[in-house]
């Protein structure tokens, strides 16, 4: 039975797609049978792969387009995968509740900004609604584009800690390697940026730990 990890935030530009791709490649490197679900009607991941994925460095990505299945619950019993990573639209979509109810973990990326920290409230409320139906659903917030070791990042963490969901210990730094990896290759692992790769690995491992707790 696959584990389903969904990345969600109603704002665009918080890093959902970039983190989705890099988490996918982390699991793929561990020889985990992983599928990357592009649930965004804009098809950001699909378009990116179609336009840039012909480069040899991209390799093969198991992208599952939304039109290839009727209901998200079909993914729960898929025999060919161990993990699904779901990238969601940059707005509150009517499909989100269905996605959440089929998920094991909802990861909410939050840019290191007071406005973004305040903007996640609606997403959190929607996840909480899904948790009323699916008691096993877990969720967490990850700080993205963090300026590591600064008082400002600590202030954002303090602000986020007021929500009911845990703020993950892992922070994703404000590194050009993440944007560059989408253009030049498939992930920060191919980019060979040790710090970025360590961050993605730590994020994946922390999610796994929370799923097992």
Protein backbone atom coordinates (compact mmCIF):
# COMPACT_ATOMS: atom_id res chain seq x y z
CA UNK A 1 0.00 0.00 0.00
CA UNK A 2 1.73 3.20 -1.14
CA UNK A 3 2.44 6.11 1.16
CA UNK A 4 0.99 9.34 -0.24
CA UNK A 5 2.74 12.64 0.52
CA UNK A 6 0.96 15.78 -0.66
CA UNK A 7 2.52 19.24 -0.91
CA UNK A 8 -0.03 21.98 -0.49
CA UNK A 9 -0.35 25.71 0.10
CA UNK A 10 -2.96 28.03 -1.38
CA UNK A 11 -0.30 30.58 -2.41
CA UNK A 12 1.84 30.23 -5.47
CA UNK A 13 5.60 30.63 -5.41
CA UNK A 14 6.18 28.89 -2.07
CA UNK A 15 8.20 26.04 -3.58
CA UNK A 16 5.69 23.17 -3.84
CA UNK A 17 6.76 22.04 -7.29
CA UNK A 18 10.49 22.37 -6.62
CA UNK A 19 10.22 20.42 -3.37
CA UNK A 20 7.95 17.82 -5.00
CA UNK A 21 10.54 17.11 -7.70
CA UNK A 22 13.43 16.96 -5.27
CA UNK A 23 11.58 14.71 -2.81
CA UNK A 24 10.68 12.45 -5.72
CA UNK A 25 14.32 12.13 -6.70
CA UNK A 26 15.38 11.47 -3.12
CA UNK A 27 13.07 8.46 -2.96
CA UNK A 28 14.08 7.33 -6.45
CA UNK A 29 17.73 7.39 -5.36
CA UNK A 30 16.78 5.05 -2.51
CA UNK A 31 15.32 2.61 -5.08
CA UNK A 32 11.82 3.33 -3.82
CA UNK A 33 9.15 2.93 -6.48
CA UNK A 34 7.94 6.53 -6.55
CA UNK A 35 5.32 8.28 -8.65
CA UNK A 36 5.03 12.05 -9.06
CA UNK A 37 1.39 13.14 -9.38
CA UNK A 38 0.78 16.44 -11.17
CA UNK A 39 -2.66 17.45 -9.86
CA UNK A 40 -2.24 21.09 -10.86
CA UNK A 41 -4.53 21.91 -13.84
CA UNK A 42 -1.72 24.19 -15.04
CA UNK A 43 0.44 21.07 -15.31
CA UNK A 44 3.61 22.78 -14.06
CA UNK A 45 5.63 19.59 -13.61
CA UNK A 46 4.34 18.00 -16.81
CA UNK A 47 5.15 21.10 -18.89
CA UNK A 48 8.57 21.44 -17.27
CA UNK A 49 9.41 17.84 -18.08
CA UNK A 50 8.06 18.07 -21.64
CA UNK A 51 10.14 21.16 -22.39
CA UNK A 52 13.34 20.43 -20.48
CA UNK A 53 13.12 16.71 -19.81
CA UNK A 54 14.67 15.76 -23.11
CA UNK A 55 18.05 16.60 -21.63
CA UNK A 56 19.96 13.43 -20.78
CA UNK A 57 20.53 14.64 -17.22
CA UNK A 58 16.80 14.54 -16.44
CA UNK A 59 16.54 10.79 -16.80
CA UNK A 60 13.14 9.15 -16.45
CA UNK A 61 10.47 10.54 -14.16
CA UNK A 62 7.30 8.61 -13.39
CA UNK A 63 4.83 11.48 -13.84
CA UNK A 64 1.20 10.56 -13.27
CA UNK A 65 -1.10 13.07 -14.91
CA UNK A 66 -4.46 13.86 -13.34
CA UNK A 67 -6.37 12.61 -16.37
CA UNK A 68 -4.89 9.12 -15.98
CA UNK A 69 -7.15 8.21 -13.03
CA UNK A 70 -10.67 9.07 -11.91
CA UNK A 71 -10.36 9.36 -8.13
CA UNK A 72 -7.36 9.95 -5.89
CA UNK A 73 -8.35 6.99 -3.74
CA UNK A 74 -7.25 4.79 -6.66
CA UNK A 75 -3.67 5.67 -5.75
CA UNK A 76 -4.09 4.14 -2.30
CA UNK A 77 -4.07 0.59 -3.68
CA UNK A 78 -1.78 1.07 -6.66
CA UNK A 79 0.39 -2.07 -6.94
CA UNK A 80 3.28 -0.50 -8.86
CA UNK A 81 4.39 2.19 -6.40
CA UNK A 82 5.61 2.47 -2.81
CA UNK A 83 5.35 6.28 -2.56
CA UNK A 84 3.39 8.98 -4.34
CA UNK A 85 4.35 12.65 -4.21
CA UNK A 86 1.40 14.90 -5.11
CA UNK A 87 1.97 18.46 -6.30
CA UNK A 88 -1.14 20.61 -5.88
CA UNK A 89 -2.46 23.86 -7.42
CA UNK A 90 -1.43 27.28 -6.01
CA UNK A 91 -4.95 28.00 -4.79
CA UNK A 92 -7.72 26.39 -2.75
CA UNK A 93 -9.17 23.84 -5.16
CA UNK A 94 -12.32 21.77 -4.67
CA UNK A 95 -10.25 18.61 -5.22
CA UNK A 96 -7.98 19.31 -2.26
CA UNK A 97 -10.23 17.70 0.35
CA UNK A 98 -10.34 14.51 -1.75
CA UNK A 99 -6.56 14.63 -2.14
CA UNK A 100 -6.02 15.16 1.59
CA UNK A 101 -8.36 12.31 2.50
CA UNK A 102 -6.31 9.97 0.30
CA UNK A 103 -2.99 11.20 1.71
CA UNK A 104 -0.87 9.98 4.60
CA UNK A 105 0.99 13.25 5.05
CA UNK A 106 0.38 16.85 3.94
CA UNK A 107 3.53 18.97 3.77
CA UNK A 108 2.86 22.72 3.81
CA UNK A 109 5.85 24.69 2.50
CA UNK A 110 6.05 28.23 3.83
CA UNK A 111 8.43 30.85 2.52
CA UNK A 112 10.39 32.69 5.15
CA UNK A 113 8.03 35.66 5.14
CA UNK A 114 5.43 36.97 7.61
CA UNK A 115 2.83 37.27 4.82
CA UNK A 116 3.33 33.66 3.76
CA UNK A 117 3.26 32.49 7.37
CA UNK A 118 -0.11 34.15 7.86
CA UNK A 119 -1.44 32.92 4.51
CA UNK A 120 -1.30 29.22 5.38
CA UNK A 121 -4.23 29.44 7.78
CA UNK A 122 -6.85 28.48 5.17
CA UNK A 123 -4.79 25.49 4.03
CA UNK A 124 -4.44 24.35 7.63
CA UNK A 125 -8.19 24.61 8.20
CA UNK A 126 -8.84 22.53 5.08
CA UNK A 127 -6.40 19.84 6.23
CA UNK A 128 -8.08 19.78 9.65
CA UNK A 129 -11.43 19.17 7.94
CA UNK A 130 -9.90 16.19 6.14
CA UNK A 131 -8.48 14.88 9.42
CA UNK A 132 -12.00 14.70 10.81
CA UNK A 133 -12.75 12.10 8.13
CA UNK A 134 -9.36 10.40 7.93
CA UNK A 135 -7.97 10.24 11.45
CA UNK A 136 -4.63 8.88 10.25
CA UNK A 137 -3.75 11.95 8.19
CA UNK A 138 -0.66 13.76 9.45
CA UNK A 139 0.65 17.18 8.47
CA UNK A 140 3.59 19.48 9.01
CA UNK A 141 4.98 22.85 7.96
CA UNK A 142 8.43 23.26 6.40
CA UNK A 143 10.15 26.64 6.24
CA UNK A 144 11.36 27.25 2.69
CA UNK A 145 13.91 29.77 1.42
CA UNK A 146 15.15 30.16 4.97
CA UNK A 147 18.01 32.47 5.80
CA UNK A 148 19.69 29.96 8.03
CA UNK A 149 20.81 30.96 11.50
CA UNK A 150 19.19 34.41 11.50
CA UNK A 151 16.85 35.92 14.06
CA UNK A 152 14.40 36.59 11.22
CA UNK A 153 14.00 32.87 10.47
CA UNK A 154 13.56 32.23 14.19
CA UNK A 155 10.79 34.82 14.27
CA UNK A 156 9.01 33.11 11.35
CA UNK A 157 9.37 29.75 13.12
CA UNK A 158 7.88 31.29 16.26
CA UNK A 159 4.95 32.68 14.27
CA UNK A 160 4.30 29.32 12.60
CA UNK A 161 4.46 27.51 15.93
CA UNK A 162 1.14 29.14 16.83
CA UNK A 163 -0.59 26.76 14.43
CA UNK A 164 -1.63 23.29 15.52
CA UNK A 165 0.63 21.48 13.05
CA UNK A 166 4.30 20.86 13.85
CA UNK A 167 6.97 23.01 12.23
CA UNK A 168 9.57 20.57 10.96
CA UNK A 169 13.11 20.86 12.27
CA UNK A 170 14.42 20.74 8.70
CA UNK A 171 14.68 24.09 6.93
CA UNK A 172 15.15 24.50 3.19
CA UNK A 173 17.69 27.23 2.56
CA UNK A 174 17.42 30.13 0.15
CA UNK A 175 19.74 28.56 -2.44
CA UNK A 176 19.94 29.18 -6.17
CA UNK A 177 20.72 25.46 -6.51
CA UNK A 178 17.02 24.65 -6.19
CA UNK A 179 15.99 26.85 -9.12
CA UNK A 180 19.03 25.87 -11.16
CA UNK A 181 18.33 22.19 -10.64
CA UNK A 182 14.99 22.51 -12.47
CA UNK A 183 16.66 24.01 -15.52
CA UNK A 184 19.94 22.15 -15.72
CA UNK A 185 19.07 18.76 -14.32
CA UNK A 186 16.47 16.93 -12.33
CA UNK A 187 17.32 17.62 -8.70
CA UNK A 188 19.88 19.02 -6.30
CA UNK A 189 21.34 15.52 -6.15
CA UNK A 190 22.40 15.73 -9.79
CA UNK A 191 23.45 19.34 -9.27
CA UNK A 192 25.80 17.95 -6.63
CA UNK A 193 25.09 20.72 -4.17
CA UNK A 194 25.89 18.99 -0.87
CA UNK A 195 24.04 21.41 1.42
CA UNK A 196 20.87 21.43 -0.67
CA UNK A 197 20.99 17.64 -1.05
CA UNK A 198 21.40 17.25 2.72
CA UNK A 199 18.36 19.49 3.29
CA UNK A 200 16.13 17.47 0.95
CA UNK A 201 17.33 14.19 2.46
CA UNK A 202 16.71 15.49 5.98
CA UNK A 203 13.22 16.66 4.96
CA UNK A 204 12.32 13.26 3.49
CA UNK A 205 13.67 11.41 6.51
CA UNK A 206 11.79 13.68 8.91
CA UNK A 207 8.53 13.06 7.01
CA UNK A 208 9.15 9.31 7.18
CA UNK A 209 9.82 9.58 10.92
CA UNK A 210 6.55 11.48 11.47
CA UNK A 211 4.65 8.90 9.42
CA UNK A 212 6.05 6.13 11.60
CA UNK A 213 5.36 7.87 14.91
